[in-house]
Structure formats: C-alpha cells, structure tokens
Amino acid sequence: MASTKKQSTAQAGKKKNTTELTGDQNAESGFHASERLGQSLQRVLVDLVELQIQGKQAHWNVVGTNFRDTHLQLDEVVEAARRLGDTVAERMRALHAVPDGRTPTVAKTTSLPPYPDGEVLTTETIDLVTERLDATVATVRDVHDAVDEEDPTSADILHVVLETLEQLAWMVSAENRTPA
C-alpha cells in the first residue's frame, strides 16, 4: 500500500514537471565545490592555459641547433597543457564551479612569467619552457593539499597533471644538460 502511495506521488510530480520547473527542481544536485576549491582549480587552469599559449609561441619562434626536435617537443608540451586544462575545467563544471579561461583572466592571474617576443635560440627556449613547466608544477603543488582535503577526486586529477608536467620538464630540460 505504501509503495502504491509513493508511486502515485511520483507520478503526480512527473505531471507537474511537464509545465514550469521550480527553482528547487532546477537546482543541480551532487557535490558542489567550495569557493576555495574552485579558486584552487582555477589557479591550475589558468597556468595550464598560459603554458599552452606560451608553448605555442615558443614552437613558432624557436631557431637554432636541434630546431626540429625542439619544435616537435614543444607540440607535446602544448598538447599536454591543452588536454590537462580541459580535464581540470571539466572537473570544475562537474563540481558546479565556473572555469574562466578568458584571455584577460589568464593574463591577470597566471603565475607564469611572460614569454619573450621574437625568435629565441633552442637552448634558451629549452630553459624558458622548463621554467614555465616548473612554475605550473609549483602552482599545482601549492594547491594540492587543500584540494585533497576537500575533494580527493580532484586531487587525483592534480596527480596526473603533476606526473605529466614533471616528466615533460625532465625531458625538455635534458636537452641542455650535460652528464654530471
């Protein structure tokens, strides 16, 4: 009998939904990021967007010895930053936070230093890109513990970001290293 009453109530609710939904019925359900969590993920996002843009700038303007290898390696950095940034932004949306990758926001809030204009030698490009990879890693490490405290799933995404960028930093920086 109770089951029939619940079913009737559910059917009545469904009929009501065919017209206009109330604010409660439109409310998104699930876990909602706190302001702090959203801001932490936003910091990572803007650095990844800026890393992608600066990586492409470097890709277009690198010159010198080992040009082709450096040119191709920069595309790997750009692709990783794009893919990781998309993952972070989509995680933000899943948590009902609003990612902001607009140019003025990125320019104003990134922790990456500006990239030089004009042609840049391959050896200098390697150092500049490594510095930007390291800066992005530093941002991720800076927000990691607070993110992990509130949302371990988002922290898992940050682990992938760290793993990927630290590997790229090692591989890119190796171009200018000499054996110890």
Protein backbone atom coordinates (compact mmCIF):
# COMPACT_ATOMS: atom_id res chain seq x y z
CA MET A 1 0.00 0.00 0.00
CA ALA A 2 2.80 2.43 0.91
CA SER A 3 4.51 1.54 -2.35
CA THR A 4 1.38 2.47 -4.31
CA LYS A 5 1.15 5.81 -2.50
CA LYS A 6 4.82 6.62 -3.31
CA GLN A 7 4.24 5.68 -6.94
CA SER A 8 1.17 7.95 -7.16
CA THR A 9 3.11 10.82 -5.59
CA ALA A 10 5.99 10.30 -8.05
CA GLN A 11 3.59 10.23 -11.00
CA ALA A 12 1.89 13.41 -9.75
CA GLY A 13 5.33 15.04 -9.51
CA LYS A 14 6.15 13.99 -13.07
CA LYS A 15 2.96 15.56 -14.34
CA LYS A 16 3.86 18.79 -12.55
CA ASN A 17 7.30 18.77 -14.22
CA THR A 18 5.74 18.92 -17.69
CA THR A 19 4.95 22.56 -17.08
CA GLU A 20 7.38 25.00 -15.48
CA LEU A 21 10.03 23.71 -13.06
CA THR A 22 10.50 25.39 -9.70
CA GLY A 23 13.89 26.66 -8.52
CA ASP A 24 14.29 23.56 -6.36
CA GLN A 25 13.55 21.29 -9.30
CA ASN A 26 16.11 23.15 -11.43
CA ALA A 27 18.79 23.01 -8.74
CA GLU A 28 21.77 20.89 -9.75
CA SER A 29 22.46 18.00 -7.44
CA GLY A 30 25.71 16.41 -6.37
CA PHE A 31 28.84 17.71 -4.74
CA HIS A 32 29.37 21.45 -5.01
CA ALA A 33 32.90 22.84 -4.81
CA SER A 34 33.57 25.36 -2.09
CA GLU A 35 34.83 28.75 -3.18
CA ARG A 36 38.32 27.74 -2.04
CA LEU A 37 38.27 24.52 -4.09
CA GLY A 38 37.01 26.37 -7.17
CA GLN A 39 39.72 29.02 -6.78
CA SER A 40 42.42 26.38 -6.37
CA LEU A 41 41.38 24.56 -9.53
CA GLN A 42 41.08 27.92 -11.33
CA ARG A 43 44.72 28.71 -10.46
CA VAL A 44 45.81 25.44 -12.05
CA LEU A 45 43.59 26.03 -15.07
CA VAL A 46 44.98 29.49 -15.89
CA ASP A 47 48.56 28.24 -15.64
CA LEU A 48 47.76 25.35 -17.97
CA VAL A 49 46.09 27.69 -20.46
CA GLU A 50 49.07 30.05 -20.30
CA LEU A 51 51.51 27.14 -20.64
CA GLN A 52 49.66 26.07 -23.78
CA ILE A 53 49.80 29.58 -25.25
CA GLN A 54 53.45 30.15 -24.36
CA GLY A 55 54.37 26.69 -25.61
CA LYS A 56 52.86 27.54 -28.98
CA GLN A 57 54.68 30.91 -29.02
CA ALA A 58 57.93 29.06 -28.37
CA HIS A 59 57.07 26.47 -31.04
CA TRP A 60 56.55 29.13 -33.69
CA ASN A 61 59.67 31.12 -32.88
CA VAL A 62 62.37 28.65 -31.89
CA VAL A 63 65.52 28.69 -34.03
CA GLY A 64 68.94 27.09 -33.88
CA THR A 65 70.61 23.77 -33.33
CA ASN A 66 68.19 20.86 -32.84
CA PHE A 67 65.37 23.05 -34.14
CA ARG A 68 63.24 20.18 -35.42
CA ASP A 69 63.42 18.09 -32.25
CA THR A 70 62.69 21.12 -30.07
CA HIS A 71 59.89 22.25 -32.37
CA LEU A 72 58.21 18.83 -32.11
CA GLN A 73 58.79 18.53 -28.38
CA LEU A 74 57.08 21.88 -27.84
CA ASP A 75 53.98 20.49 -29.54
CA GLU A 76 53.98 17.70 -26.93
CA VAL A 77 54.00 20.34 -24.18
CA VAL A 78 51.20 22.29 -25.87
CA GLU A 79 49.04 19.19 -26.34
CA ALA A 80 49.54 18.05 -22.75
CA ALA A 81 48.69 21.51 -21.38
CA ARG A 82 45.57 21.67 -23.57
CA ARG A 83 44.38 18.20 -22.57
CA LEU A 84 45.11 18.69 -18.86
CA GLY A 85 43.50 22.15 -18.84
CA ASP A 86 40.37 20.69 -20.41
CA THR A 87 40.26 17.96 -17.76
CA VAL A 88 40.60 20.50 -14.94
CA ALA A 89 37.94 22.79 -16.44
CA GLU A 90 35.51 19.92 -16.93
CA ARG A 91 36.11 18.77 -13.35
CA MET A 92 35.27 22.30 -12.21
CA ARG A 93 31.99 22.15 -14.14
CA ALA A 94 31.21 18.73 -12.63
CA LEU A 95 31.58 20.39 -9.21
CA HIS A 96 29.37 23.32 -10.26
CA ALA A 97 32.30 25.75 -10.34
CA VAL A 98 32.73 28.02 -13.35
CA PRO A 99 36.13 27.87 -15.09
CA ASP A 100 37.42 31.09 -16.60
CA GLY A 101 39.95 30.72 -19.39
CA ARG A 102 39.33 34.10 -21.00
CA THR A 103 42.43 35.93 -22.16
CA PRO A 104 42.20 38.84 -19.66
CA THR A 105 41.67 36.42 -16.76
CA VAL A 106 44.59 34.24 -17.76
CA ALA A 107 46.89 37.24 -18.32
CA LYS A 108 45.94 38.78 -14.98
CA THR A 109 46.13 35.66 -12.81
CA THR A 110 48.75 33.29 -14.23
CA SER A 111 51.89 32.65 -12.22
CA LEU A 112 53.96 32.12 -15.37
CA PRO A 113 56.32 34.90 -16.39
CA PRO A 114 55.75 36.47 -19.83
CA TYR A 115 57.41 34.76 -22.78
CA PRO A 116 59.87 36.86 -24.80
CA ASP A 117 58.85 38.03 -28.24
CA GLY A 118 60.71 37.30 -31.45
CA GLU A 119 62.96 34.41 -32.34
CA VAL A 120 64.54 32.52 -29.45
CA LEU A 121 67.50 30.13 -29.69
CA THR A 122 66.78 26.47 -28.98
CA THR A 123 68.96 26.39 -25.86
CA GLU A 124 67.23 29.44 -24.39
CA THR A 125 63.83 28.05 -25.42
CA ILE A 126 64.56 24.85 -23.51
CA ASP A 127 65.38 26.83 -20.36
CA LEU A 128 62.36 29.13 -20.75
CA VAL A 129 59.91 26.27 -21.30
CA THR A 130 61.38 24.26 -18.43
CA GLU A 131 60.94 27.31 -16.18
CA ARG A 132 57.27 27.54 -17.19
CA LEU A 133 56.68 23.84 -16.67
CA ASP A 134 58.25 24.16 -13.22
CA ALA A 135 56.10 27.21 -12.42
CA THR A 136 52.93 25.33 -13.36
CA VAL A 137 54.03 22.36 -11.24
CA ALA A 138 54.64 24.74 -8.32
CA THR A 139 51.07 26.04 -8.61
CA VAL A 140 49.67 22.50 -8.62
CA ARG A 141 51.78 21.55 -5.59
CA ASP A 142 50.75 24.75 -3.81
CA VAL A 143 47.02 23.98 -4.06
CA HIS A 144 47.24 20.18 -3.82
CA ASP A 145 46.79 19.63 -0.08
CA ALA A 146 43.80 21.95 0.21
CA VAL A 147 42.19 20.31 -2.83
CA ASP A 148 42.87 16.82 -1.46
CA GLU A 149 41.34 17.76 1.90
CA GLU A 150 38.05 18.76 0.27
CA ASP A 151 37.89 16.56 -2.81
CA PRO A 152 40.25 13.59 -3.27
CA THR A 153 38.89 13.00 -6.78
CA SER A 154 40.07 16.44 -7.90
CA ALA A 155 43.39 15.74 -6.18
CA ASP A 156 43.69 12.60 -8.31
CA ILE A 157 43.41 14.81 -11.39
CA LEU A 158 46.14 17.04 -9.97
CA HIS A 159 48.33 13.94 -9.57
CA VAL A 160 48.03 13.28 -13.30
CA VAL A 161 48.88 16.93 -14.01
CA LEU A 162 51.96 16.66 -11.79
CA GLU A 163 53.09 13.36 -13.27
CA THR A 164 52.73 14.63 -16.83
CA LEU A 165 54.32 18.05 -16.35
CA GLU A 166 57.20 16.79 -14.22
CA GLN A 167 58.00 14.18 -16.86
CA LEU A 168 57.87 16.82 -19.58
CA ALA A 169 60.10 19.15 -17.52
CA TRP A 170 62.65 16.36 -17.13
CA MET A 171 62.56 15.51 -20.82
CA VAL A 172 62.69 19.11 -22.05
CA SER A 173 65.44 20.17 -19.62
CA ALA A 174 67.56 17.14 -20.61
CA GLU A 175 68.17 18.84 -23.97
CA ASN A 176 70.53 21.33 -22.28
CA ARG A 177 72.05 19.07 -19.64
CA THR A 178 75.50 17.56 -19.68
CA PRO A 179 76.42 14.43 -17.71
CA ALA A 180 77.28 15.09 -14.07
